[in-house]
Amino acid sequence: MLAQQIVAGLMMGFSIRLIFSAIEMAGDIAGMQMGLGLANLFDPQNAGFTPLIAQLLGILVALLFVAMDLHLYMLAVLADSFQP
C-alpha cells in the first residue's frame, strides 16, 4: 500500500513538472527566435542559465496555476488517492 502511494505521488509530481518544463522549453525556443537568446539569467532550480523569456513564462504559468486553484485540485486528487 505504501509503495502504491509513493508511486502515485511521484507520477503526479512528474506530470506537473513535465508541464512546467514544456512551457519553459517553449519560452526557450521563443527567446531564441526573437533574438533574446543571450539574455540569460541564472536559474537555481535547473542549476544553469536559462533565457529570460523562459523564466518569464515559467513564472506566469506558476502564477496561473495558483490563480486558477489548480494546486487545490492537485491536493484533492492526492487526498482521494488515500480513499480505498
Protein backbone atom coordinates (compact mmCIF):
# COMPACT_ATOMS: atom_id res chain seq x y z
CA MET A 1 0.00 0.00 0.00
CA LEU A 2 2.83 2.36 0.85
CA ALA A 3 4.61 1.68 -2.43
CA GLN A 4 1.39 2.36 -4.33
CA GLN A 5 1.03 5.78 -2.68
CA ILE A 6 4.66 6.62 -3.32
CA VAL A 7 4.32 5.74 -6.99
CA ALA A 8 1.07 7.76 -7.26
CA GLY A 9 2.74 10.80 -5.68
CA LEU A 10 5.80 10.51 -7.90
CA MET A 11 3.66 10.25 -11.03
CA MET A 12 1.60 13.31 -10.05
CA GLY A 13 4.72 15.34 -9.34
CA PHE A 14 6.38 14.20 -12.55
CA SER A 15 3.35 15.10 -14.66
CA ILE A 16 3.16 18.62 -13.20
CA ARG A 17 6.92 19.10 -13.61
CA LEU A 18 6.67 17.87 -17.21
CA ILE A 19 4.07 20.54 -17.98
CA PHE A 20 6.19 23.29 -16.44
CA SER A 21 9.28 22.08 -18.30
CA ALA A 22 7.40 22.10 -21.60
CA ILE A 23 6.34 25.71 -21.00
CA GLU A 24 9.90 26.72 -20.15
CA MET A 25 11.18 24.95 -23.28
CA ALA A 26 8.64 26.88 -25.35
CA GLY A 27 9.95 30.09 -23.79
CA ASP A 28 13.49 29.00 -24.57
CA ILE A 29 12.63 28.46 -28.23
CA ALA A 30 10.66 31.71 -28.42
CA GLY A 31 13.57 33.61 -26.88
CA MET A 32 15.97 32.17 -29.43
CA GLN A 33 13.62 33.07 -32.30
CA MET A 34 13.21 36.62 -31.01
CA GLY A 35 16.95 37.13 -30.74
CA LEU A 36 16.96 37.19 -26.96
CA GLY A 37 18.99 34.01 -26.65
CA LEU A 38 21.86 35.86 -25.00
CA ALA A 39 19.65 37.43 -22.32
CA ASN A 40 20.24 34.70 -19.76
CA LEU A 41 19.64 34.59 -16.02
CA PHE A 42 20.90 32.01 -13.54
CA ASP A 43 18.15 29.54 -12.65
CA PRO A 44 18.99 27.73 -9.40
CA GLN A 45 16.24 25.13 -9.96
CA ASN A 46 17.87 23.92 -13.18
CA ALA A 47 21.41 24.76 -11.96
CA GLY A 48 22.22 26.69 -15.10
CA PHE A 49 21.48 29.69 -17.22
CA THR A 50 18.09 29.93 -18.90
CA PRO A 51 16.81 32.61 -21.27
CA LEU A 52 14.78 35.46 -19.85
CA ILE A 53 11.62 34.60 -21.82
CA ALA A 54 11.69 31.02 -20.49
CA GLN A 55 11.84 32.24 -16.90
CA LEU A 56 9.10 34.78 -17.55
CA LEU A 57 6.80 32.12 -18.98
CA GLY A 58 7.64 29.79 -16.09
CA ILE A 59 6.68 32.42 -13.54
CA LEU A 60 3.48 33.31 -15.42
CA VAL A 61 2.41 29.67 -15.62
CA ALA A 62 3.13 29.19 -11.92
CA LEU A 63 1.02 32.24 -11.09
CA LEU A 64 -1.80 30.99 -13.32
CA PHE A 65 -1.52 27.57 -11.68
CA VAL A 66 -2.17 29.17 -8.29
CA ALA A 67 -4.71 31.74 -9.54
CA MET A 68 -6.87 29.04 -11.17
CA ASP A 69 -6.74 26.96 -7.94
CA LEU A 70 -5.12 24.05 -9.74
CA HIS A 71 -2.95 23.41 -6.70
CA LEU A 72 -6.11 22.73 -4.71
CA TYR A 73 -7.32 20.27 -7.34
CA MET A 74 -3.96 18.54 -7.19
CA LEU A 75 -4.24 18.24 -3.40
CA ALA A 76 -7.81 16.93 -3.76
CA VAL A 77 -6.61 14.23 -6.14
CA LEU A 78 -3.87 13.36 -3.67
CA ALA A 79 -6.40 13.13 -0.83
CA ASP A 80 -8.70 10.98 -2.97
CA SER A 81 -5.86 8.57 -3.65
CA PHE A 82 -5.86 7.66 0.05
CA GLN A 83 -9.51 6.57 -0.04
CA PRO A 84 -10.00 2.81 -0.57
